C-alpha atoms as a PDB file:
ATOM      1  CA  MET A   1     -14.393  22.667  22.754  1.00  0.00           C
ATOM      2  CA  SER A   2     -18.147  22.712  22.416  1.00  0.00           C
ATOM      3  CA  ASN A   3     -20.325  19.747  21.546  1.00  0.00           C
ATOM      4  CA  ARG A   4     -21.335  21.458  18.312  1.00  0.00           C
ATOM      5  CA  ALA A   5     -17.697  21.695  17.170  1.00  0.00           C
ATOM      6  CA  ILE A   6     -17.085  18.021  17.982  1.00  0.00           C
ATOM      7  CA  ILE A   7     -20.178  16.929  16.042  1.00  0.00           C
ATOM      8  CA  ILE A   8     -19.161  19.044  13.042  1.00  0.00           C
ATOM      9  CA  MET A   9     -15.630  17.618  13.140  1.00  0.00           C
ATOM     10  CA  VAL A  10     -16.942  14.032  13.267  1.00  0.00           C
ATOM     11  CA  LEU A  11     -19.304  14.672  10.350  1.00  0.00           C
ATOM     12  CA  VAL A  12     -16.484  16.189   8.275  1.00  0.00           C
ATOM     13  CA  LEU A  13     -14.236  13.193   8.964  1.00  0.00           C
ATOM     14  CA  ILE A  14     -16.996  10.709   8.119  1.00  0.00           C
ATOM     15  CA  SER A  15     -17.755  12.595   4.910  1.00  0.00           C
ATOM     16  CA  ALA A  16     -14.090  12.682   3.880  1.00  0.00           C
ATOM     17  CA  THR A  17     -13.688   8.968   4.596  1.00  0.00           C
ATOM     18  CA  ALA A  18     -16.811   8.080   2.618  1.00  0.00           C
ATOM     19  CA  TYR A  19     -15.660  10.241  -0.301  1.00  0.00           C
ATOM     20  CA  LEU A  20     -12.240   8.609  -0.412  1.00  0.00           C
ATOM     21  CA  LEU A  21     -13.698   5.097  -0.220  1.00  0.00           C
ATOM     22  CA  ILE A  22     -16.236   5.769  -2.954  1.00  0.00           C
ATOM     23  CA  LYS A  23     -13.879   7.611  -5.323  1.00  0.00           C
ATOM     24  CA  GLY A  24     -10.836   5.411  -4.665  1.00  0.00           C
ATOM     25  CA  ASP A  25      -9.805   2.842  -7.255  1.00  0.00           C
ATOM     26  CA  GLY A  26      -8.866   0.299  -4.610  1.00  0.00           C
ATOM     27  CA  ASP A  27     -10.657  -3.028  -4.499  1.00  0.00           C
ATOM     28  CA  ILE A  28     -11.469  -3.382  -0.826  1.00  0.00           C
ATOM     29  CA  ASP A  29     -12.404  -6.921   0.192  1.00  0.00           C
ATOM     30  CA  MET A  30     -13.518  -7.285   3.788  1.00  0.00           C
ATOM     31  CA  GLY A  31     -14.275 -10.991   3.339  1.00  0.00           C
ATOM     32  CA  GLY A  32     -11.227 -12.295   5.161  1.00  0.00           C
ATOM     33  CA  GLU A  33      -8.607 -14.775   4.011  1.00  0.00           C
ATOM     34  CA  LYS A  34      -9.379 -16.583   0.758  1.00  0.00           C
ATOM     35  CA  HIS A  35      -8.571 -20.186  -0.110  1.00  0.00           C
ATOM     36  CA  GLY A  36      -8.791 -22.320  -3.225  1.00  0.00           C
ATOM     37  CA  ALA A  37      -9.917 -20.939  -6.578  1.00  0.00           C
ATOM     38  CA  GLU A  38     -10.737 -17.527  -5.087  1.00  0.00           C
ATOM     39  CA  ALA A  39      -7.090 -17.009  -4.133  1.00  0.00           C
ATOM     40  CA  ALA A  40      -5.563 -18.254  -7.405  1.00  0.00           C
ATOM     41  CA  HIS A  41      -5.298 -14.770  -8.867  1.00  0.00           C
ATOM     42  CA  MET A  42      -3.166 -13.625  -5.928  1.00  0.00           C
ATOM     43  CA  GLU A  43      -0.182 -15.744  -7.005  1.00  0.00           C
ATOM     44  CA  ASP A  44      -0.121 -13.999 -10.394  1.00  0.00           C
ATOM     45  CA  ALA A  45      -0.323 -10.608  -8.693  1.00  0.00           C
ATOM     46  CA  LYS A  46       2.596 -11.465  -6.404  1.00  0.00           C
ATOM     47  CA  LYS A  47       4.729 -12.540  -9.381  1.00  0.00           C
ATOM     48  CA  ALA A  48       3.870  -9.364 -11.277  1.00  0.00           C
ATOM     49  CA  ALA A  49       4.715  -7.200  -8.254  1.00  0.00           C
ATOM     50  CA  ALA A  50       8.078  -8.892  -7.647  1.00  0.00           C
ATOM     51  CA  PRO A  51      10.977  -6.614  -8.598  1.00  0.00           C
ATOM     52  CA  ALA A  52      13.167  -7.574 -11.511  1.00  0.00           C
ATOM     53  CA  ALA A  53      16.585  -9.070 -10.872  1.00  0.00           C
ATOM     54  CA  PRO A  54      18.851  -6.480  -9.265  1.00  0.00           C
ATOM     55  CA  ALA A  55      21.392  -4.782 -11.470  1.00  0.00           C
ATOM     56  CA  ALA A  56      25.031  -5.755 -11.204  1.00  0.00           C
ATOM     57  CA  ALA A  57      26.614  -4.576  -7.979  1.00  0.00           C
ATOM     58  CA  PRO A  58      28.801  -1.504  -8.362  1.00  0.00           C
ATOM     59  CA  ALA A  59      32.511  -2.106  -8.428  1.00  0.00           C
ATOM     60  CA  ALA A  60      34.277  -1.967  -5.075  1.00  0.00           C
ATOM     61  CA  PRO A  61      35.971   1.377  -4.439  1.00  0.00           C
ATOM     62  CA  ALA A  62      39.682   1.427  -5.033  1.00  0.00           C
ATOM     63  CA  ALA A  63      41.740   1.269  -1.877  1.00  0.00           C
ATOM     64  CA  ASP A  64      43.739   4.381  -1.122  1.00  0.00           C
ATOM     65  CA  ALA A  65      47.454   3.698  -1.261  1.00  0.00           C
ATOM     66  CA  LYS A  66      49.147   5.213   1.773  1.00  0.00           C
ATOM     67  CA  LYS A  67      52.847   5.876   1.544  1.00  0.00           C
END
């Protein structure tokens, strides 16, 4: 593989990564772990993301009667 092909591949990957980061709706925070008032909103997000109570368990299958 030539140096030119490697450089082109790296530039394409950098461009694709930059495009996805700019166009993405994600809120990327590279600030590290938050404490205090800054982290208060995370508790609400965890509660909202928690799944609802599981539905009733399905009935146990009937045992086959062997004669």
